[in-house]
């Protein structure tokens, strides 16, 4: 699975698990505000994953995997995941569980 296909699969998975992901626009939405990094944040008690197009694809994949582990680990452990996705979300863990 190539990196773009992996990111797409992770985005679908996040959506199915109700993990909110926002892909930031390439242009700053407000003058003087320029999001340059991807990461997990909390706003008014709700968790969001922000993905910045300014960062390499691998970094965005890493951030999304970390967020899925933190926010939905239990749901993911009991769910079938394609091997390439499972290996990235749970590195070093083998098998379907």
N, C-alpha and C. Protein backbone atom coordinates (compact mmCIF):
# COMPACT_ATOMS: atom_id res chain seq x y z
N UNK A 1 0.86 -1.17 0.00
CA UNK A 1 0.00 0.00 0.00
C UNK A 1 0.90 1.23 0.00
N UNK A 2 0.69 2.13 -0.96
CA UNK A 2 1.52 3.34 -0.98
C UNK A 2 1.05 4.33 0.08
N UNK A 3 1.85 5.35 0.31
CA UNK A 3 1.59 6.29 1.41
C UNK A 3 0.26 7.01 1.26
N UNK A 4 -0.09 7.44 0.06
CA UNK A 4 -1.37 8.15 -0.13
C UNK A 4 -2.55 7.22 0.14
N UNK A 5 -2.47 5.98 -0.33
CA UNK A 5 -3.54 5.01 -0.08
C UNK A 5 -3.67 4.73 1.42
N UNK A 6 -2.54 4.66 2.12
CA UNK A 6 -2.55 4.44 3.56
C UNK A 6 -3.22 5.62 4.27
N UNK A 7 -2.86 6.83 3.91
CA UNK A 7 -3.50 8.00 4.52
C UNK A 7 -5.00 7.99 4.26
N UNK A 8 -5.39 7.68 3.03
CA UNK A 8 -6.82 7.63 2.70
C UNK A 8 -7.54 6.58 3.54
N UNK A 9 -6.94 5.40 3.72
CA UNK A 9 -7.54 4.35 4.53
C UNK A 9 -7.67 4.79 5.99
N UNK A 10 -6.66 5.47 6.49
CA UNK A 10 -6.70 5.97 7.87
C UNK A 10 -7.77 7.04 8.05
N UNK A 11 -7.95 7.89 7.05
CA UNK A 11 -8.99 8.92 7.12
C UNK A 11 -10.38 8.29 7.13
N UNK A 12 -10.60 7.25 6.33
CA UNK A 12 -11.88 6.54 6.33
C UNK A 12 -12.11 5.89 7.69
N UNK A 13 -11.09 5.24 8.21
CA UNK A 13 -11.18 4.60 9.51
C UNK A 13 -11.51 5.61 10.61
N UNK A 14 -10.84 6.73 10.61
CA UNK A 14 -11.11 7.78 11.60
C UNK A 14 -12.56 8.24 11.51
N UNK A 15 -13.06 8.44 10.31
CA UNK A 15 -14.44 8.86 10.12
C UNK A 15 -15.42 7.82 10.67
N UNK A 16 -15.15 6.55 10.39
CA UNK A 16 -16.02 5.47 10.88
C UNK A 16 -16.02 5.39 12.40
N UNK A 17 -14.94 5.79 13.03
CA UNK A 17 -14.82 5.74 14.49
C UNK A 17 -15.16 7.08 15.14
N UNK A 18 -15.67 8.02 14.36
CA UNK A 18 -16.07 9.34 14.84
C UNK A 18 -14.90 10.12 15.44
N UNK A 19 -13.72 9.94 14.85
CA UNK A 19 -12.55 10.74 15.22
C UNK A 19 -12.52 11.91 14.24
N UNK A 20 -12.63 13.10 14.76
CA UNK A 20 -12.73 14.29 13.91
C UNK A 20 -11.36 14.66 13.35
N UNK A 21 -11.27 14.72 12.02
CA UNK A 21 -10.02 15.07 11.34
C UNK A 21 -10.28 16.26 10.44
N UNK A 22 -9.44 17.26 10.55
CA UNK A 22 -9.52 18.43 9.67
C UNK A 22 -8.22 18.53 8.89
N UNK A 23 -8.34 18.56 7.59
CA UNK A 23 -7.17 18.80 6.75
C UNK A 23 -7.10 20.31 6.54
N UNK A 24 -6.07 20.92 7.06
CA UNK A 24 -5.93 22.37 7.02
C UNK A 24 -5.76 22.85 5.59
N UNK A 25 -6.27 24.03 5.29
CA UNK A 25 -6.09 24.58 3.94
C UNK A 25 -4.63 24.95 3.70
N UNK A 26 -4.25 24.97 2.46
CA UNK A 26 -2.88 25.36 2.10
C UNK A 26 -2.61 26.82 2.43
N UNK A 27 -3.62 27.65 2.34
CA UNK A 27 -3.51 29.07 2.64
C UNK A 27 -4.00 29.32 4.07
N UNK A 28 -3.39 30.25 4.74
CA UNK A 28 -3.82 30.60 6.10
C UNK A 28 -5.22 31.19 6.05
N UNK A 29 -6.16 30.68 6.87
CA UNK A 29 -7.52 31.20 6.86
C UNK A 29 -7.65 32.60 7.43
N UNK A 30 -6.72 32.98 8.29
CA UNK A 30 -6.74 34.31 8.90
C UNK A 30 -5.38 34.96 8.72
N UNK A 31 -5.37 36.22 8.46
CA UNK A 31 -4.11 36.92 8.31
C UNK A 31 -3.31 36.81 9.61
N UNK A 32 -2.06 36.47 9.50
CA UNK A 32 -1.21 36.33 10.67
C UNK A 32 -1.26 34.95 11.30
N UNK A 33 -2.15 34.08 10.82
CA UNK A 33 -2.26 32.73 11.36
C UNK A 33 -1.86 31.76 10.27
N UNK A 34 -0.84 31.00 10.53
CA UNK A 34 -0.36 30.04 9.54
C UNK A 34 -0.11 28.70 10.20
N UNK A 35 -1.08 27.78 10.12
CA UNK A 35 -0.85 26.47 10.73
C UNK A 35 0.26 25.74 9.99
N UNK A 36 1.28 25.35 10.71
CA UNK A 36 2.41 24.71 10.05
C UNK A 36 2.63 23.28 10.51
N UNK A 37 1.88 22.84 11.50
CA UNK A 37 2.11 21.49 12.01
C UNK A 37 0.83 20.71 12.19
N UNK A 38 0.96 19.41 12.04
CA UNK A 38 -0.16 18.50 12.28
C UNK A 38 -0.11 18.06 13.73
N UNK A 39 -1.27 17.70 14.28
CA UNK A 39 -1.28 17.21 15.64
C UNK A 39 -2.68 16.99 16.17
N UNK A 40 -2.73 16.42 17.35
CA UNK A 40 -3.98 16.19 18.05
C UNK A 40 -4.20 17.35 19.00
N UNK A 41 -5.41 17.89 19.01
CA UNK A 41 -5.71 18.98 19.95
C UNK A 41 -7.11 18.78 20.52
N UNK A 42 -7.38 19.51 21.58
CA UNK A 42 -8.71 19.48 22.19
C UNK A 42 -9.25 20.89 22.21
N UNK A 43 -10.49 21.01 21.75
CA UNK A 43 -11.17 22.29 21.75
C UNK A 43 -12.53 22.08 22.40
N UNK A 44 -12.77 22.77 23.51
CA UNK A 44 -14.02 22.65 24.25
C UNK A 44 -14.38 21.20 24.55
N UNK A 45 -13.37 20.42 24.95
CA UNK A 45 -13.59 19.04 25.33
C UNK A 45 -13.67 18.05 24.19
N UNK A 46 -13.59 18.51 22.98
CA UNK A 46 -13.66 17.61 21.80
C UNK A 46 -12.28 17.47 21.19
N UNK A 47 -11.90 16.24 20.89
CA UNK A 47 -10.59 15.99 20.28
C UNK A 47 -10.67 16.16 18.77
N UNK A 48 -9.65 16.77 18.22
CA UNK A 48 -9.53 16.99 16.78
C UNK A 48 -8.13 16.58 16.35
N UNK A 49 -8.05 16.04 15.16
CA UNK A 49 -6.76 15.78 14.54
C UNK A 49 -6.62 16.79 13.42
N UNK A 50 -5.58 17.60 13.47
CA UNK A 50 -5.32 18.59 12.42
C UNK A 50 -4.17 18.10 11.57
N UNK A 51 -4.39 18.07 10.26
CA UNK A 51 -3.36 17.63 9.32
C UNK A 51 -2.98 18.79 8.42
N UNK A 52 -1.72 19.13 8.43
CA UNK A 52 -1.23 20.26 7.64
C UNK A 52 -0.61 19.78 6.33
N UNK A 53 -1.06 20.33 5.20
CA UNK A 53 -0.48 19.96 3.91
C UNK A 53 0.97 20.42 3.78
N UNK A 54 1.42 21.29 4.67
CA UNK A 54 2.81 21.76 4.64
C UNK A 54 3.78 20.67 5.11
N UNK A 55 3.25 19.66 5.79
CA UNK A 55 4.10 18.59 6.30
C UNK A 55 4.15 17.42 5.32
N UNK A 56 5.23 16.65 5.38
CA UNK A 56 5.33 15.47 4.51
C UNK A 56 4.20 14.47 4.79
N UNK A 57 3.84 13.73 3.79
CA UNK A 57 2.79 12.72 3.90
C UNK A 57 3.06 11.75 5.05
N UNK A 58 4.30 11.32 5.21
CA UNK A 58 4.64 10.38 6.29
C UNK A 58 4.36 10.97 7.66
N UNK A 59 4.60 12.26 7.84
CA UNK A 59 4.33 12.91 9.13
C UNK A 59 2.83 12.93 9.40
N UNK A 60 2.02 13.23 8.38
CA UNK A 60 0.57 13.24 8.55
C UNK A 60 0.06 11.85 8.91
N UNK A 61 0.63 10.81 8.28
CA UNK A 61 0.25 9.43 8.61
C UNK A 61 0.60 9.13 10.06
N UNK A 62 1.79 9.51 10.48
CA UNK A 62 2.25 9.27 11.86
C UNK A 62 1.32 9.95 12.87
N UNK A 63 0.95 11.20 12.62
CA UNK A 63 0.07 11.94 13.53
C UNK A 63 -1.30 11.26 13.61
N UNK A 64 -1.83 10.86 12.48
CA UNK A 64 -3.15 10.22 12.47
C UNK A 64 -3.11 8.87 13.18
N UNK A 65 -2.05 8.10 12.99
CA UNK A 65 -1.91 6.82 13.70
C UNK A 65 -1.82 7.03 15.20
N UNK A 66 -1.05 8.01 15.64
CA UNK A 66 -0.94 8.31 17.07
C UNK A 66 -2.29 8.70 17.64
N UNK A 67 -3.04 9.51 16.92
CA UNK A 67 -4.35 9.94 17.39
C UNK A 67 -5.32 8.76 17.47
N UNK A 68 -5.30 7.89 16.48
CA UNK A 68 -6.18 6.71 16.51
C UNK A 68 -5.83 5.81 17.69
N UNK A 69 -4.55 5.63 17.96
CA UNK A 69 -4.14 4.82 19.13
C UNK A 69 -4.66 5.45 20.42
N UNK A 70 -4.54 6.76 20.52
CA UNK A 70 -4.95 7.45 21.75
C UNK A 70 -6.46 7.50 21.92
N UNK A 71 -7.18 7.75 20.83
CA UNK A 71 -8.62 8.00 20.93
C UNK A 71 -9.50 6.78 20.70
N UNK A 72 -8.99 5.76 20.01
CA UNK A 72 -9.87 4.65 19.62
C UNK A 72 -9.18 3.29 19.68
N UNK A 73 -8.21 3.13 20.55
CA UNK A 73 -7.44 1.88 20.59
C UNK A 73 -8.31 0.66 20.82
N UNK A 74 -9.24 0.72 21.76
CA UNK A 74 -10.08 -0.45 22.05
C UNK A 74 -10.93 -0.83 20.85
N UNK A 75 -11.55 0.13 20.21
CA UNK A 75 -12.38 -0.15 19.04
C UNK A 75 -11.55 -0.74 17.91
N UNK A 76 -10.31 -0.29 17.79
CA UNK A 76 -9.44 -0.79 16.72
C UNK A 76 -8.96 -2.21 16.97
N UNK A 77 -8.73 -2.55 18.22
CA UNK A 77 -8.21 -3.89 18.53
C UNK A 77 -9.21 -4.99 18.15
N UNK A 78 -10.49 -4.71 18.24
CA UNK A 78 -11.53 -5.71 17.96
C UNK A 78 -12.03 -5.65 16.52
N UNK A 79 -11.38 -4.92 15.69
CA UNK A 79 -11.85 -4.67 14.33
C UNK A 79 -10.83 -5.19 13.32
N UNK A 80 -11.34 -5.71 12.20
CA UNK A 80 -10.42 -6.12 11.14
C UNK A 80 -9.81 -4.86 10.53
N UNK A 81 -8.50 -4.87 10.38
CA UNK A 81 -7.79 -3.81 9.69
C UNK A 81 -6.89 -4.46 8.66
N UNK A 82 -6.79 -3.90 7.47
CA UNK A 82 -5.83 -4.43 6.51
C UNK A 82 -4.44 -4.47 7.17
N UNK A 83 -3.64 -5.48 6.86
CA UNK A 83 -2.33 -5.61 7.51
C UNK A 83 -1.47 -4.35 7.47
N UNK A 84 -1.45 -3.65 6.35
CA UNK A 84 -0.62 -2.43 6.25
C UNK A 84 -1.10 -1.36 7.22
N UNK A 85 -2.41 -1.26 7.40
CA UNK A 85 -2.98 -0.27 8.32
C UNK A 85 -2.69 -0.68 9.76
N UNK A 86 -2.93 -1.97 10.09
CA UNK A 86 -2.69 -2.44 11.46
C UNK A 86 -1.22 -2.25 11.85
N UNK A 87 -0.31 -2.55 10.93
CA UNK A 87 1.12 -2.41 11.23
C UNK A 87 1.49 -0.96 11.53
N UNK A 88 0.88 -0.02 10.86
CA UNK A 88 1.19 1.40 11.11
C UNK A 88 0.53 1.90 12.38
N UNK A 89 -0.68 1.46 12.66
CA UNK A 89 -1.37 1.92 13.87
C UNK A 89 -0.79 1.25 15.11
N UNK A 90 -0.51 -0.04 15.01
CA UNK A 90 0.06 -0.81 16.13
C UNK A 90 1.37 -1.43 15.69
N UNK A 91 2.44 -0.66 15.57
CA UNK A 91 3.71 -1.21 15.09
C UNK A 91 4.23 -2.32 16.00
N UNK A 92 4.71 -3.38 15.37
CA UNK A 92 5.29 -4.48 16.12
C UNK A 92 4.29 -5.48 16.65
N UNK A 93 2.99 -5.22 16.52
CA UNK A 93 1.97 -6.15 16.98
C UNK A 93 1.56 -7.00 15.79
N UNK A 94 1.59 -8.32 15.96
CA UNK A 94 1.22 -9.21 14.86
C UNK A 94 -0.14 -9.83 15.11
N UNK A 95 -0.74 -10.35 14.06
CA UNK A 95 -2.03 -11.01 14.17
C UNK A 95 -3.17 -10.04 14.03
N UNK A 96 -4.40 -10.58 14.08
CA UNK A 96 -5.61 -9.77 13.89
C UNK A 96 -6.13 -9.19 15.19
N UNK A 97 -5.51 -9.49 16.32
CA UNK A 97 -5.99 -8.92 17.58
C UNK A 97 -4.90 -8.16 18.27
